[in-house]
């Protein structure tokens, strides 16, 4: 029975030869696929498969290693993944097999963007300076992305609204009323009192102490005569004095 190349590769044929067992099938049959794959003639068992260059244009891999499988069934170029750089979003990509491997790196942020601080106003909120990763949608307070914060931590509250005095409601001016001079307070009417004329005190005639002579002429007449006599004497004296001088 013809043997397949994997039976040569995994040592089945070799073990049969070493044990000297005969199963009725010639391991050197012309139908041997190993010969076709290797392009060799028998015998080629020294080192089992080392007598040809293994070839494959495909890579097999798991999470830690990669390898190739020759058409003869031999695994070769087996090695651990290497190269590439993991980020918070994607695993590293192996430089050899071009497959991703390992785990994400939560400390590596390829899409880290800096957001400048903005002052808050009375109309809108502001923000502190921070960094945001677009890949993992996380926020950080430092450029090295070591200190994670929340979205709410980046927001600064609005400023208080300025105090506005209440707007005075315009009051309609009252219609001017015609000005009327204030009426003088009505004085209470006085009842006319009868005018009392003062009564002349009776003239008291002095009582003459001159004894009556029996002359009934008025004393006033005598006084006038005395006055005229005095005046005449005064004029006569004045003229005499003037004539002498």
C-alpha atoms as a PDB file:
ATOM      1  CA  UNK A   1       0.000   0.000   0.000  1.00  0.00           C
ATOM      2  CA  UNK A   2       1.485   3.349  -0.990  1.00  0.00           C
ATOM      3  CA  UNK A   3       2.511   5.672   1.835  1.00  0.00           C
ATOM      4  CA  UNK A   4       1.588   9.316   2.069  1.00  0.00           C
ATOM      5  CA  UNK A   5       4.067  12.106   2.647  1.00  0.00           C
ATOM      6  CA  UNK A   6       2.713  12.724   6.136  1.00  0.00           C
ATOM      7  CA  UNK A   7       3.552   9.111   7.020  1.00  0.00           C
ATOM      8  CA  UNK A   8       7.108   9.726   5.957  1.00  0.00           C
ATOM      9  CA  UNK A   9       7.110  13.067   7.799  1.00  0.00           C
ATOM     10  CA  UNK A  10       5.657  11.833  11.067  1.00  0.00           C
ATOM     11  CA  UNK A  11       8.067   8.867  11.205  1.00  0.00           C
ATOM     12  CA  UNK A  12       5.617   6.065  10.434  1.00  0.00           C
ATOM     13  CA  UNK A  13       7.612   4.687   7.539  1.00  0.00           C
ATOM     14  CA  UNK A  14      10.859   5.140   9.400  1.00  0.00           C
ATOM     15  CA  UNK A  15       9.584   3.198  12.358  1.00  0.00           C
ATOM     16  CA  UNK A  16       8.408   0.394  10.099  1.00  0.00           C
ATOM     17  CA  UNK A  17      11.830   0.139   8.529  1.00  0.00           C
ATOM     18  CA  UNK A  18      13.585   0.226  11.868  1.00  0.00           C
ATOM     19  CA  UNK A  19      11.366  -2.515  13.214  1.00  0.00           C
ATOM     20  CA  UNK A  20      11.865  -4.598  10.118  1.00  0.00           C
ATOM     21  CA  UNK A  21       8.149  -5.139   9.841  1.00  0.00           C
ATOM     22  CA  UNK A  22       6.569  -6.096   6.565  1.00  0.00           C
ATOM     23  CA  UNK A  23       2.928  -5.325   6.001  1.00  0.00           C
ATOM     24  CA  UNK A  24       2.765  -6.574   2.467  1.00  0.00           C
ATOM     25  CA  UNK A  25       3.283  -3.067   1.122  1.00  0.00           C
ATOM     26  CA  UNK A  26       6.544  -1.829  -0.263  1.00  0.00           C
ATOM     27  CA  UNK A  27       7.418   1.525   1.337  1.00  0.00           C
ATOM     28  CA  UNK A  28       9.457   2.295  -1.751  1.00  0.00           C
ATOM     29  CA  UNK A  29       6.510   2.087  -4.078  1.00  0.00           C
ATOM     30  CA  UNK A  30       6.558   4.376  -7.050  1.00  0.00           C
ATOM     31  CA  UNK A  31       3.318   5.942  -5.899  1.00  0.00           C
ATOM     32  CA  UNK A  32       5.011   7.500  -2.838  1.00  0.00           C
ATOM     33  CA  UNK A  33       3.844  11.075  -2.588  1.00  0.00           C
ATOM     34  CA  UNK A  34       6.969  12.098  -0.676  1.00  0.00           C
ATOM     35  CA  UNK A  35       9.102  11.534  -3.739  1.00  0.00           C
ATOM     36  CA  UNK A  36       6.816  13.687  -5.812  1.00  0.00           C
ATOM     37  CA  UNK A  37       6.868  16.475  -3.243  1.00  0.00           C
ATOM     38  CA  UNK A  38      10.608  16.364  -2.613  1.00  0.00           C
ATOM     39  CA  UNK A  39      11.702  15.677  -6.152  1.00  0.00           C
ATOM     40  CA  UNK A  40      14.143  13.098  -4.825  1.00  0.00           C
ATOM     41  CA  UNK A  41      14.954   9.499  -5.425  1.00  0.00           C
ATOM     42  CA  UNK A  42      15.223   6.873  -2.728  1.00  0.00           C
ATOM     43  CA  UNK A  43      16.714   6.438  -0.219  1.00  0.00           C
ATOM     44  CA  UNK A  44      16.308   9.845   1.505  1.00  0.00           C
ATOM     45  CA  UNK A  45      15.866   8.952   5.182  1.00  0.00           C
ATOM     46  CA  UNK A  46      18.941  10.397   6.744  1.00  0.00           C
ATOM     47  CA  UNK A  47      17.462  13.046   9.099  1.00  0.00           C
ATOM     48  CA  UNK A  48      13.996  12.318   7.673  1.00  0.00           C
ATOM     49  CA  UNK A  49      13.089  15.179   5.418  1.00  0.00           C
ATOM     50  CA  UNK A  50      16.322  17.131   5.767  1.00  0.00           C
ATOM     51  CA  UNK A  51      17.329  16.163   2.269  1.00  0.00           C
ATOM     52  CA  UNK A  52      15.107  18.865   0.630  1.00  0.00           C
ATOM     53  CA  UNK A  53      14.207  22.474   1.158  1.00  0.00           C
ATOM     54  CA  UNK A  54      10.790  22.723   2.762  1.00  0.00           C
ATOM     55  CA  UNK A  55       8.552  25.181   1.007  1.00  0.00           C
ATOM     56  CA  UNK A  56       5.225  26.881   1.701  1.00  0.00           C
ATOM     57  CA  UNK A  57       3.659  30.211   0.875  1.00  0.00           C
ATOM     58  CA  UNK A  58       1.257  30.116   3.817  1.00  0.00           C
ATOM     59  CA  UNK A  59       1.629  30.742   7.513  1.00  0.00           C
ATOM     60  CA  UNK A  60      -0.163  28.978  10.299  1.00  0.00           C
ATOM     61  CA  UNK A  61      -0.412  30.628  13.688  1.00  0.00           C
ATOM     62  CA  UNK A  62      -1.903  30.724  17.156  1.00  0.00           C
ATOM     63  CA  UNK A  63      -1.893  33.541  19.708  1.00  0.00           C
ATOM     64  CA  UNK A  64       1.786  33.142  20.532  1.00  0.00           C
ATOM     65  CA  UNK A  65       3.549  31.473  17.577  1.00  0.00           C
ATOM     66  CA  UNK A  66       3.582  31.110  13.802  1.00  0.00           C
ATOM     67  CA  UNK A  67       4.904  28.387  11.476  1.00  0.00           C
ATOM     68  CA  UNK A  68       4.730  26.967   7.982  1.00  0.00           C
ATOM     69  CA  UNK A  69       3.903  23.491   6.771  1.00  0.00           C
ATOM     70  CA  UNK A  70       5.783  22.046   3.855  1.00  0.00           C
ATOM     71  CA  UNK A  71       4.002  20.108   1.141  1.00  0.00           C
ATOM     72  CA  UNK A  72       5.747  17.129   2.605  1.00  0.00           C
ATOM     73  CA  UNK A  73       3.952  17.713   5.865  1.00  0.00           C
ATOM     74  CA  UNK A  74       6.942  18.947   7.840  1.00  0.00           C
ATOM     75  CA  UNK A  75       6.419  21.960  10.102  1.00  0.00           C
ATOM     76  CA  UNK A  76       9.159  24.543   9.735  1.00  0.00           C
ATOM     77  CA  UNK A  77       9.943  28.198  10.492  1.00  0.00           C
ATOM     78  CA  UNK A  78       8.153  27.850  13.791  1.00  0.00           C
ATOM     79  CA  UNK A  79       8.781  30.816  16.124  1.00  0.00           C
ATOM     80  CA  UNK A  80       7.121  33.198  18.523  1.00  0.00           C
ATOM     81  CA  UNK A  81       5.399  36.237  17.156  1.00  0.00           C
ATOM     82  CA  UNK A  82       7.466  39.389  17.169  1.00  0.00           C
ATOM     83  CA  UNK A  83       7.279  43.039  16.235  1.00  0.00           C
ATOM     84  CA  UNK A  84       4.334  45.350  15.990  1.00  0.00           C
ATOM     85  CA  UNK A  85       2.825  47.464  18.767  1.00  0.00           C
ATOM     86  CA  UNK A  86      -0.408  46.879  20.601  1.00  0.00           C
ATOM     87  CA  UNK A  87      -2.671  49.843  21.410  1.00  0.00           C
ATOM     88  CA  UNK A  88      -5.806  50.381  23.461  1.00  0.00           C
ATOM     89  CA  UNK A  89      -7.837  49.398  20.407  1.00  0.00           C
ATOM     90  CA  UNK A  90      -5.826  46.803  18.470  1.00  0.00           C
ATOM     91  CA  UNK A  91      -3.399  43.979  19.163  1.00  0.00           C
ATOM     92  CA  UNK A  92       0.155  44.020  17.844  1.00  0.00           C
ATOM     93  CA  UNK A  93       0.725  42.674  14.337  1.00  0.00           C
ATOM     94  CA  UNK A  94       3.582  40.215  13.859  1.00  0.00           C
ATOM     95  CA  UNK A  95       6.283  41.423  11.480  1.00  0.00           C
ATOM     96  CA  UNK A  96       6.762  37.883  10.102  1.00  0.00           C
ATOM     97  CA  UNK A  97       3.346  36.332   9.602  1.00  0.00           C
ATOM     98  CA  UNK A  98       1.406  39.626   9.582  1.00  0.00           C
ATOM     99  CA  UNK A  99      -1.138  38.280  12.047  1.00  0.00           C
ATOM    100  CA  UNK A 100      -2.286  40.005  15.240  1.00  0.00           C
ATOM    101  CA  UNK A 101      -1.290  38.494  18.542  1.00  0.00           C
ATOM    102  CA  UNK A 102      -1.173  39.085  22.265  1.00  0.00           C
ATOM    103  CA  UNK A 103      -3.535  41.462  24.064  1.00  0.00           C
ATOM    104  CA  UNK A 104      -4.497  45.105  23.953  1.00  0.00           C
ATOM    105  CA  UNK A 105      -2.260  47.685  25.621  1.00  0.00           C
ATOM    106  CA  UNK A 106      -4.527  49.942  27.682  1.00  0.00           C
ATOM    107  CA  UNK A 107      -1.663  52.396  28.190  1.00  0.00           C
ATOM    108  CA  UNK A 108      -0.986  52.949  24.494  1.00  0.00           C
ATOM    109  CA  UNK A 109      -3.262  55.494  22.793  1.00  0.00           C
ATOM    110  CA  UNK A 110      -2.606  56.074  19.106  1.00  0.00           C
ATOM    111  CA  UNK A 111      -5.452  58.580  18.716  1.00  0.00           C
ATOM    112  CA  UNK A 112      -4.774  60.800  21.742  1.00  0.00           C
ATOM    113  CA  UNK A 113      -5.821  64.406  21.151  1.00  0.00           C
ATOM    114  CA  UNK A 114      -5.152  67.498  23.246  1.00  0.00           C
ATOM    115  CA  UNK A 115      -8.099  69.736  24.172  1.00  0.00           C
ATOM    116  CA  UNK A 116      -7.181  73.250  25.300  1.00  0.00           C
ATOM    117  CA  UNK A 117      -8.842  74.821  28.315  1.00  0.00           C
ATOM    118  CA  UNK A 118     -11.781  77.134  27.689  1.00  0.00           C
ATOM    119  CA  UNK A 119     -13.166  79.600  30.185  1.00  0.00           C
ATOM    120  CA  UNK A 120     -16.811  79.315  31.141  1.00  0.00           C
ATOM    121  CA  UNK A 121     -19.188  82.207  30.579  1.00  0.00           C
ATOM    122  CA  UNK A 122     -22.647  83.022  31.822  1.00  0.00           C
ATOM    123  CA  UNK A 123     -24.013  81.640  28.549  1.00  0.00           C
ATOM    124  CA  UNK A 124     -22.122  78.342  28.251  1.00  0.00           C
ATOM    125  CA  UNK A 125     -19.969  75.874  30.154  1.00  0.00           C
ATOM    126  CA  UNK A 126     -16.193  75.783  29.835  1.00  0.00           C
ATOM    127  CA  UNK A 127     -13.641  72.994  30.177  1.00  0.00           C
ATOM    128  CA  UNK A 128     -10.273  72.279  31.722  1.00  0.00           C
ATOM    129  CA  UNK A 129      -7.254  71.261  29.676  1.00  0.00           C
ATOM    130  CA  UNK A 130      -7.444  67.520  28.973  1.00  0.00           C
ATOM    131  CA  UNK A 131      -6.610  64.723  26.498  1.00  0.00           C
ATOM    132  CA  UNK A 132      -9.087  62.426  24.778  1.00  0.00           C
ATOM    133  CA  UNK A 133      -8.442  59.125  23.026  1.00  0.00           C
ATOM    134  CA  UNK A 134     -10.692  58.573  20.037  1.00  0.00           C
ATOM    135  CA  UNK A 135      -9.955  54.823  19.972  1.00  0.00           C
ATOM    136  CA  UNK A 136     -11.067  53.905  23.490  1.00  0.00           C
ATOM    137  CA  UNK A 137     -13.057  57.104  24.211  1.00  0.00           C
ATOM    138  CA  UNK A 138     -11.255  57.727  27.497  1.00  0.00           C
ATOM    139  CA  UNK A 139     -10.302  61.082  29.051  1.00  0.00           C
ATOM    140  CA  UNK A 140      -7.000  61.966  30.727  1.00  0.00           C
ATOM    141  CA  UNK A 141      -5.701  64.960  32.643  1.00  0.00           C
ATOM    142  CA  UNK A 142      -2.119  64.597  31.354  1.00  0.00           C
ATOM    143  CA  UNK A 143      -0.357  64.215  28.006  1.00  0.00           C
ATOM    144  CA  UNK A 144       1.148  60.867  29.044  1.00  0.00           C
ATOM    145  CA  UNK A 145      -2.379  59.457  29.523  1.00  0.00           C
ATOM    146  CA  UNK A 146      -1.532  58.169  32.970  1.00  0.00           C
ATOM    147  CA  UNK A 147      -4.334  59.800  34.956  1.00  0.00           C
ATOM    148  CA  UNK A 148      -7.772  58.876  33.699  1.00  0.00           C
ATOM    149  CA  UNK A 149     -10.716  61.177  34.419  1.00  0.00           C
ATOM    150  CA  UNK A 150     -14.363  61.227  33.414  1.00  0.00           C
ATOM    151  CA  UNK A 151     -16.076  63.414  30.861  1.00  0.00           C
ATOM    152  CA  UNK A 152     -17.854  65.247  33.672  1.00  0.00           C
ATOM    153  CA  UNK A 153     -14.485  66.084  35.264  1.00  0.00           C
ATOM    154  CA  UNK A 154     -13.521  68.132  32.212  1.00  0.00           C
ATOM    155  CA  UNK A 155     -16.526  70.456  32.394  1.00  0.00           C
ATOM    156  CA  UNK A 156     -16.502  73.754  34.274  1.00  0.00           C
ATOM    157  CA  UNK A 157     -19.847  75.240  35.273  1.00  0.00           C
ATOM    158  CA  UNK A 158     -21.359  78.368  33.786  1.00  0.00           C
ATOM    159  CA  UNK A 159     -20.710  81.626  35.544  1.00  0.00           C
ATOM    160  CA  UNK A 160     -23.556  83.083  37.637  1.00  0.00           C
ATOM    161  CA  UNK A 161     -25.941  85.266  35.736  1.00  0.00           C
ATOM    162  CA  UNK A 162     -25.355  88.982  36.430  1.00  0.00           C
ATOM    163  CA  UNK A 163     -27.942  90.527  38.698  1.00  0.00           C
ATOM    164  CA  UNK A 164     -30.236  92.755  36.675  1.00  0.00           C
ATOM    165  CA  UNK A 165     -32.380  95.278  38.524  1.00  0.00           C
ATOM    166  CA  UNK A 166     -36.074  94.809  37.821  1.00  0.00           C
ATOM    167  CA  UNK A 167     -37.293  96.845  34.921  1.00  0.00           C
ATOM    168  CA  UNK A 168     -39.606  99.577  36.105  1.00  0.00           C
ATOM    169  CA  UNK A 169     -42.995  99.378  34.484  1.00  0.00           C
ATOM    170  CA  UNK A 170     -43.733 102.763  32.948  1.00  0.00           C
ATOM    171  CA  UNK A 171     -46.631 104.405  34.731  1.00  0.00           C
ATOM    172  CA  UNK A 172     -49.003 106.487  32.701  1.00  0.00           C
ATOM    173  CA  UNK A 173     -48.807 110.126  33.680  1.00  0.00           C
ATOM    174  CA  UNK A 174     -52.034 111.274  35.276  1.00  0.00           C
ATOM    175  CA  UNK A 175     -54.080 113.683  33.235  1.00  0.00           C
ATOM    176  CA  UNK A 176     -53.380 117.204  34.450  1.00  0.00           C
ATOM    177  CA  UNK A 177     -56.354 118.568  36.254  1.00  0.00           C
ATOM    178  CA  UNK A 178     -57.070 122.293  36.012  1.00  0.00           C
ATOM    179  CA  UNK A 179     -55.451 124.005  38.908  1.00  0.00           C
ATOM    180  CA  UNK A 180     -57.944 125.699  41.178  1.00  0.00           C
ATOM    181  CA  UNK A 181     -56.662 128.128  43.733  1.00  0.00           C
ATOM    182  CA  UNK A 182     -57.342 126.767  47.131  1.00  0.00           C
ATOM    183  CA  UNK A 183     -60.333 128.361  48.685  1.00  0.00           C
ATOM    184  CA  UNK A 184     -59.537 130.352  51.744  1.00  0.00           C
ATOM    185  CA  UNK A 185     -60.910 128.747  54.729  1.00  0.00           C
ATOM    186  CA  UNK A 186     -64.168 130.411  55.534  1.00  0.00           C
ATOM    187  CA  UNK A 187     -63.677 132.568  58.524  1.00  0.00           C
ATOM    188  CA  UNK A 188     -66.406 132.464  61.048  1.00  0.00           C
ATOM    189  CA  UNK A 189     -68.652 135.459  60.758  1.00  0.00           C
ATOM    190  CA  UNK A 190     -68.395 137.863  63.595  1.00  0.00           C
ATOM    191  CA  UNK A 191     -71.492 139.448  64.948  1.00  0.00           C
ATOM    192  CA  UNK A 192     -71.175 143.227  64.774  1.00  0.00           C
ATOM    193  CA  UNK A 193     -70.785 144.614  68.199  1.00  0.00           C
ATOM    194  CA  UNK A 194     -72.336 147.965  68.948  1.00  0.00           C
ATOM    195  CA  UNK A 195     -69.731 150.714  68.986  1.00  0.00           C
ATOM    196  CA  UNK A 196     -69.484 152.213  72.399  1.00  0.00           C
ATOM    197  CA  UNK A 197     -68.445 155.819  72.273  1.00  0.00           C
ATOM    198  CA  UNK A 198     -66.315 156.755  75.188  1.00  0.00           C
ATOM    199  CA  UNK A 199     -68.132 159.094  77.445  1.00  0.00           C
ATOM    200  CA  UNK A 200     -66.238 162.332  77.889  1.00  0.00           C
ATOM    201  CA  UNK A 201     -65.245 162.860  81.392  1.00  0.00           C
ATOM    202  CA  UNK A 202     -66.877 165.931  82.804  1.00  0.00           C
ATOM    203  CA  UNK A 203     -64.540 168.920  82.813  1.00  0.00           C
ATOM    204  CA  UNK A 204     -63.833 169.929  86.287  1.00  0.00           C
ATOM    205  CA  UNK A 205     -63.381 173.679  86.567  1.00  0.00           C
ATOM    206  CA  UNK A 206     -60.798 174.683  89.082  1.00  0.00           C
ATOM    207  CA  UNK A 207     -62.217 176.474  91.951  1.00  0.00           C
ATOM    208  CA  UNK A 208     -60.730 179.908  92.189  1.00  0.00           C
ATOM    209  CA  UNK A 209     -59.431 180.838  95.524  1.00  0.00           C
ATOM    210  CA  UNK A 210     -59.597 184.563  94.690  1.00  0.00           C
ATOM    211  CA  UNK A 211     -62.345 186.064  96.571  1.00  0.00           C
ATOM    212  CA  UNK A 212     -65.138 187.253  94.508  1.00  0.00           C
ATOM    213  CA  UNK A 213     -65.078 190.948  93.685  1.00  0.00           C
ATOM    214  CA  UNK A 214     -68.418 191.087  92.190  1.00  0.00           C
ATOM    215  CA  UNK A 215     -66.855 191.192  88.592  1.00  0.00           C
ATOM    216  CA  UNK A 216     -68.511 188.617  86.392  1.00  0.00           C
ATOM    217  CA  UNK A 217     -66.214 189.040  83.280  1.00  0.00           C
ATOM    218  CA  UNK A 218     -64.401 186.000  81.886  1.00  0.00           C
ATOM    219  CA  UNK A 219     -60.850 185.228  83.066  1.00  0.00           C
ATOM    220  CA  UNK A 220     -59.927 184.310  79.506  1.00  0.00           C
ATOM    221  CA  UNK A 221     -60.462 187.835  78.376  1.00  0.00           C
ATOM    222  CA  UNK A 222     -58.129 189.075  81.023  1.00  0.00           C
ATOM    223  CA  UNK A 223     -55.503 186.591  79.987  1.00  0.00           C
ATOM    224  CA  UNK A 224     -55.699 187.765  76.373  1.00  0.00           C
ATOM    225  CA  UNK A 225     -55.298 191.339  77.393  1.00  0.00           C
ATOM    226  CA  UNK A 226     -52.257 190.497  79.439  1.00  0.00           C
ATOM    227  CA  UNK A 227     -50.710 188.657  76.536  1.00  0.00           C
ATOM    228  CA  UNK A 228     -51.223 191.548  74.135  1.00  0.00           C
ATOM    229  CA  UNK A 229     -49.799 193.997  76.632  1.00  0.00           C
ATOM    230  CA  UNK A 230     -46.739 191.829  77.078  1.00  0.00           C
ATOM    231  CA  UNK A 231     -46.234 191.641  73.306  1.00  0.00           C
ATOM    232  CA  UNK A 232     -46.512 195.401  72.942  1.00  0.00           C
ATOM    233  CA  UNK A 233     -43.944 195.986  75.646  1.00  0.00           C
ATOM    234  CA  UNK A 234     -41.579 193.560  73.982  1.00  0.00           C
ATOM    235  CA  UNK A 235     -41.843 195.316  70.595  1.00  0.00           C
ATOM    236  CA  UNK A 236     -41.271 198.734  72.169  1.00  0.00           C
ATOM    237  CA  UNK A 237     -38.154 197.496  73.964  1.00  0.00           C
ATOM    238  CA  UNK A 238     -36.767 195.993  70.771  1.00  0.00           C
ATOM    239  CA  UNK A 239     -37.173 199.229  68.849  1.00  0.00           C
ATOM    240  CA  UNK A 240     -35.480 201.248  71.565  1.00  0.00           C
ATOM    241  CA  UNK A 241     -32.540 198.967  71.610  1.00  0.00           C
ATOM    242  CA  UNK A 242     -32.235 199.061  67.830  1.00  0.00           C
ATOM    243  CA  UNK A 243     -32.445 202.840  67.742  1.00  0.00           C
ATOM    244  CA  UNK A 244     -29.624 203.145  70.271  1.00  0.00           C
ATOM    245  CA  UNK A 245     -27.424 200.961  68.375  1.00  0.00           C
END
